[in-house]
């Protein structure tokens, strides 16, 4: 399959894969932060202290989880991701 793609398209597909891989790792990290740090500290710190330490974590996690799901869905639509700009625009606008 990759031999049928131009070098430019192979590079594009590699960049898309790297974006998906990086987003998956970042989403995993956000979840681990909540599970292993925020939750245990909830009994020891005030909400103000937790917000200072983990500002926007509760808002970031579902956004990035949804973004990753949308990226994966686009990848599941076919081996070659033909269109991705609309997904990116949805999350940055």
Protein backbone atom coordinates (compact mmCIF):
# COMPACT_ATOMS: atom_id res chain seq x y z
CA UNK A 1 0.00 0.00 0.00
CA UNK A 2 2.71 2.47 0.96
CA UNK A 3 4.49 1.96 -2.37
CA UNK A 4 1.39 3.30 -4.13
CA UNK A 5 1.68 6.56 -2.18
CA UNK A 6 3.95 9.43 -3.12
CA UNK A 7 6.74 10.36 -0.73
CA UNK A 8 4.81 13.49 0.22
CA UNK A 9 1.72 11.43 1.07
CA UNK A 10 3.75 8.86 3.02
CA UNK A 11 5.27 11.72 5.04
CA UNK A 12 1.79 13.15 5.60
CA UNK A 13 0.47 9.79 6.80
CA UNK A 14 3.46 9.37 9.13
CA UNK A 15 2.76 12.83 10.60
CA UNK A 16 -0.88 11.91 11.16
CA UNK A 17 0.17 8.67 12.87
CA UNK A 18 2.62 10.60 15.06
CA UNK A 19 -0.14 13.05 16.02
CA UNK A 20 -2.40 10.16 16.99
CA UNK A 21 0.34 8.40 18.95
CA UNK A 22 1.28 11.60 20.80
CA UNK A 23 -2.34 12.40 21.59
CA UNK A 24 -2.86 8.86 22.92
CA UNK A 25 0.14 9.20 25.22
CA UNK A 26 -0.95 12.65 26.39
CA UNK A 27 -4.50 11.43 27.11
CA UNK A 28 -3.06 8.50 29.04
CA UNK A 29 -0.91 10.89 31.06
CA UNK A 30 -3.89 13.13 31.89
CA UNK A 31 -5.84 10.11 33.10
CA UNK A 32 -2.91 8.90 35.22
CA UNK A 33 -2.49 12.36 36.75
CA UNK A 34 -6.09 12.28 37.88
CA UNK A 35 -5.97 8.69 39.10
CA UNK A 36 -2.62 8.70 40.88
CA UNK A 37 -2.24 12.31 42.04
CA UNK A 38 -5.47 14.30 42.10
CA UNK A 39 -7.67 11.59 43.59
CA UNK A 40 -5.30 10.71 46.48
CA UNK A 41 -4.67 14.38 47.24
CA UNK A 42 -8.39 15.19 47.34
CA UNK A 43 -8.53 14.17 51.01
CA UNK A 44 -5.41 16.17 51.91
CA UNK A 45 -5.65 19.39 49.92
CA UNK A 46 -8.31 22.03 49.57
CA UNK A 47 -10.08 22.52 46.22
CA UNK A 48 -8.16 25.79 45.81
CA UNK A 49 -4.84 24.00 46.32
CA UNK A 50 -5.81 21.24 43.89
CA UNK A 51 -6.83 23.83 41.30
CA UNK A 52 -3.48 25.58 41.73
CA UNK A 53 -1.61 22.31 41.26
CA UNK A 54 -3.74 20.80 38.51
CA UNK A 55 -5.34 23.80 36.79
CA UNK A 56 -7.82 22.82 34.07
CA UNK A 57 -7.01 19.11 34.28
CA UNK A 58 -10.70 18.23 34.68
CA UNK A 59 -11.52 20.26 31.57
CA UNK A 60 -8.57 19.08 29.48
CA UNK A 61 -9.08 15.35 29.92
CA UNK A 62 -12.47 15.02 28.18
CA UNK A 63 -11.43 17.39 25.38
CA UNK A 64 -8.31 15.40 24.58
CA UNK A 65 -10.13 12.08 24.98
CA UNK A 66 -12.74 13.23 22.47
CA UNK A 67 -10.05 14.54 20.11
CA UNK A 68 -8.27 11.18 20.23
CA UNK A 69 -11.51 9.32 19.55
CA UNK A 70 -12.17 11.53 16.53
CA UNK A 71 -8.63 10.97 15.24
CA UNK A 72 -9.00 7.21 15.66
CA UNK A 73 -12.38 7.23 13.92
CA UNK A 74 -10.88 9.04 10.97
CA UNK A 75 -8.12 6.42 10.85
CA UNK A 76 -10.70 3.62 11.07
CA UNK A 77 -12.46 5.05 8.02
CA UNK A 78 -9.57 3.78 5.90
CA UNK A 79 -5.89 2.92 5.91
CA UNK A 80 -5.04 6.28 4.40
CA UNK A 81 -6.39 9.34 6.18
CA UNK A 82 -7.56 11.59 3.37
CA UNK A 83 -9.13 14.37 5.37
CA UNK A 84 -8.19 15.59 8.84
CA UNK A 85 -8.39 19.37 8.76
CA UNK A 86 -12.04 19.47 9.82
CA UNK A 87 -11.26 17.48 12.96
CA UNK A 88 -8.38 19.80 13.83
CA UNK A 89 -10.46 22.91 13.19
CA UNK A 90 -13.24 21.62 15.42
CA UNK A 91 -10.86 21.53 18.40
CA UNK A 92 -8.93 24.73 17.80
CA UNK A 93 -11.81 27.03 16.95
